[in-house]
Amino acid sequence: MLTIDGAVAQPQSFSLTDLQERFPQRTVHTRYANDDRVATAAYTGVLLWDLLQTAQPILNTDQPELMRVMARSTDGFRCIVKWHEFAPSAENKLILVGCLQNGQPLDDRYGPLRLVVPGDKQGVRYIRHLASLTVLNQHSDDQEVQ
């Protein structure tokens, strides 16, 4: 189950089936560091932007640079994706909540869901076992992660 919470009007929860059946699926081809080697893969899943729109994010229009999303795995690992990276009006990167790798379901080591951030060459933000997405719209030292 993937939850979306934080600065949103409508917190959401989605099963893997929900993500596959309720949203258009996109595929991105990536290259990133994975352990001690460079990995290449085609990930298929839901665009982060599309998914977050269902929760109706509460935007910080006065300081849009503070908008970001904290992704958290089932083991507590977390990372930050800045809003402008995936917003259609800014960089518009095709950041995904992936459920397939090279056309196959993610195995137990990485899935069932994984955050996929093309262009993150070190793979630090490729969160495996993705469990939650928290929309942040203001400064909060206890939640800031880079």
Protein backbone atom coordinates (compact mmCIF):
# COMPACT_ATOMS: atom_id res chain seq x y z
CA MET A 1 0.00 0.00 0.00
CA LEU A 2 1.27 3.46 -0.94
CA THR A 3 0.03 6.46 1.04
CA ILE A 4 0.07 10.13 0.09
CA ASP A 5 -0.16 12.62 2.94
CA GLY A 6 1.24 15.88 4.27
CA ALA A 7 0.20 19.17 2.68
CA VAL A 8 -2.71 17.70 0.73
CA ALA A 9 -6.46 18.29 0.84
CA GLN A 10 -7.30 14.60 0.25
CA PRO A 11 -4.83 12.05 1.69
CA GLN A 12 -4.82 8.89 -0.42
CA SER A 13 -3.85 5.22 -0.26
CA PHE A 14 -3.28 3.03 -3.29
CA SER A 15 -2.68 -0.67 -3.75
CA LEU A 16 -0.46 -1.96 -6.54
CA THR A 17 -3.61 -2.92 -8.46
CA ASP A 18 -5.02 0.61 -8.03
CA LEU A 19 -1.86 2.11 -9.48
CA GLN A 20 -1.87 -0.23 -12.45
CA GLU A 21 -5.58 0.07 -13.26
CA ARG A 22 -6.49 3.67 -12.37
CA PHE A 23 -3.59 5.59 -13.90
CA PRO A 24 -1.95 5.82 -17.31
CA GLN A 25 1.29 3.82 -17.31
CA ARG A 26 4.52 5.42 -18.55
CA THR A 27 7.91 3.90 -19.25
CA VAL A 28 11.27 5.60 -18.74
CA HIS A 29 14.70 4.28 -19.62
CA THR A 30 17.28 4.95 -16.93
CA ARG A 31 20.94 4.57 -16.11
CA TYR A 32 22.09 4.84 -12.49
CA ALA A 33 24.53 3.50 -9.90
CA ASN A 34 23.31 0.32 -8.25
CA ASP A 35 25.56 -1.07 -5.52
CA ASP A 36 28.99 -1.25 -7.19
CA ARG A 37 27.90 -1.17 -10.83
CA VAL A 38 25.99 0.97 -13.31
CA ALA A 39 22.50 -0.33 -13.99
CA THR A 40 20.29 0.35 -16.96
CA ALA A 41 16.60 -0.45 -16.94
CA ALA A 42 13.22 0.45 -18.36
CA TYR A 43 10.79 1.17 -15.54
CA THR A 44 7.03 1.34 -16.03
CA GLY A 45 4.62 2.96 -13.61
CA VAL A 46 2.66 6.08 -12.72
CA LEU A 47 4.02 9.59 -13.09
CA LEU A 48 4.64 11.14 -9.68
CA TRP A 49 2.83 14.29 -10.86
CA ASP A 50 -0.33 12.36 -11.85
CA LEU A 51 -0.39 10.46 -8.59
CA LEU A 52 0.03 13.54 -6.39
CA GLN A 53 -2.74 15.41 -8.20
CA THR A 54 -5.29 12.91 -6.82
CA ALA A 55 -4.45 14.11 -3.29
CA GLN A 56 -4.92 17.78 -4.23
CA PRO A 57 -1.59 19.23 -3.02
CA ILE A 58 -1.72 22.47 -1.07
CA LEU A 59 0.73 24.65 -2.97
CA ASN A 60 2.90 27.31 -1.39
CA THR A 61 2.34 30.06 -3.94
CA ASP A 62 4.33 32.62 -1.92
CA GLN A 63 7.46 30.45 -1.78
CA PRO A 64 7.12 27.75 -4.46
CA GLU A 65 10.78 26.79 -4.00
CA LEU A 66 9.77 25.18 -0.67
CA MET A 67 7.51 22.64 -2.39
CA ARG A 68 8.91 19.11 -2.29
CA VAL A 69 7.95 15.50 -1.74
CA MET A 70 9.50 13.19 0.83
CA ALA A 71 9.50 9.57 -0.31
CA ARG A 72 9.85 6.91 2.39
CA SER A 73 10.48 3.18 2.15
CA THR A 74 9.12 0.47 4.40
CA ASP A 75 12.44 0.41 6.30
CA GLY A 76 12.34 4.18 6.94
CA PHE A 77 14.86 5.26 4.30
CA ARG A 78 13.76 8.58 2.84
CA CYS A 79 14.70 11.12 0.23
CA ILE A 80 13.45 14.44 -1.10
CA VAL A 81 12.33 15.28 -4.62
CA LYS A 82 11.93 18.98 -5.25
CA TRP A 83 8.60 19.95 -6.77
CA HIS A 84 10.16 21.86 -9.68
CA GLU A 85 11.93 18.68 -10.83
CA PHE A 86 8.69 16.98 -11.90
CA ALA A 87 6.17 19.82 -12.26
CA PRO A 88 5.01 20.23 -15.88
CA SER A 89 5.56 23.99 -15.60
CA ALA A 90 9.24 23.51 -14.59
CA GLU A 91 11.75 20.73 -15.40
CA ASN A 92 8.99 18.15 -16.04
CA LYS A 93 11.19 15.10 -15.40
CA LEU A 94 9.32 11.84 -15.83
CA ILE A 95 9.67 10.72 -12.22
CA LEU A 96 7.73 7.51 -11.62
CA VAL A 97 6.31 5.29 -8.97
CA GLY A 98 7.47 2.18 -10.80
CA CYS A 99 5.98 -1.28 -10.56
CA LEU A 100 7.66 -2.98 -13.54
CA GLN A 101 11.34 -3.24 -14.45
CA ASN A 102 12.10 -4.31 -18.00
CA GLY A 103 8.48 -5.42 -18.36
CA GLN A 104 8.50 -7.65 -15.26
CA PRO A 105 7.08 -7.03 -11.78
CA LEU A 106 9.70 -5.77 -9.34
CA ASP A 107 11.14 -8.64 -7.32
CA ASP A 108 11.05 -8.82 -3.51
CA ARG A 109 14.43 -7.12 -3.29
CA TYR A 110 13.13 -3.88 -4.85
CA GLY A 111 9.35 -3.86 -4.89
CA PRO A 112 6.50 -4.01 -5.27
CA LEU A 113 6.91 -0.22 -5.77
CA ARG A 114 9.98 1.86 -6.42
CA LEU A 115 10.55 5.57 -6.84
CA VAL A 116 12.37 6.12 -10.14
CA VAL A 117 14.18 9.44 -10.63
CA PRO A 118 15.81 9.57 -14.10
CA GLY A 119 18.92 11.70 -14.04
CA ASP A 120 19.83 10.74 -10.47
CA LYS A 121 23.03 9.06 -11.60
CA GLN A 122 24.01 7.78 -8.15
CA GLY A 123 20.64 6.12 -7.66
CA VAL A 124 20.24 7.56 -4.15
CA ARG A 125 16.63 8.54 -4.79
CA TYR A 126 15.63 5.22 -6.38
CA ILE A 127 13.70 4.26 -3.25
CA ARG A 128 12.92 0.55 -3.16
CA HIS A 129 9.92 -0.75 -1.18
CA LEU A 130 8.26 2.65 -1.53
CA ALA A 131 5.60 3.08 1.18
CA SER A 132 4.68 6.77 1.38
CA LEU A 133 4.87 10.15 -0.31
CA THR A 134 4.57 13.21 1.93
CA VAL A 135 3.98 16.60 0.31
CA LEU A 136 5.93 19.34 2.09
CA ASN A 137 5.25 23.02 1.43
CA GLN A 138 7.24 24.85 4.11
CA HIS A 139 10.53 24.71 6.04
CA SER A 140 10.73 21.87 8.54
CA ASP A 141 14.19 20.98 9.80
CA ASP A 142 13.12 17.60 11.21
CA GLN A 143 11.87 16.45 7.78
CA GLU A 144 14.50 17.96 5.52
CA VAL A 145 16.50 15.27 3.75
CA GLN A 146 18.74 15.69 0.72
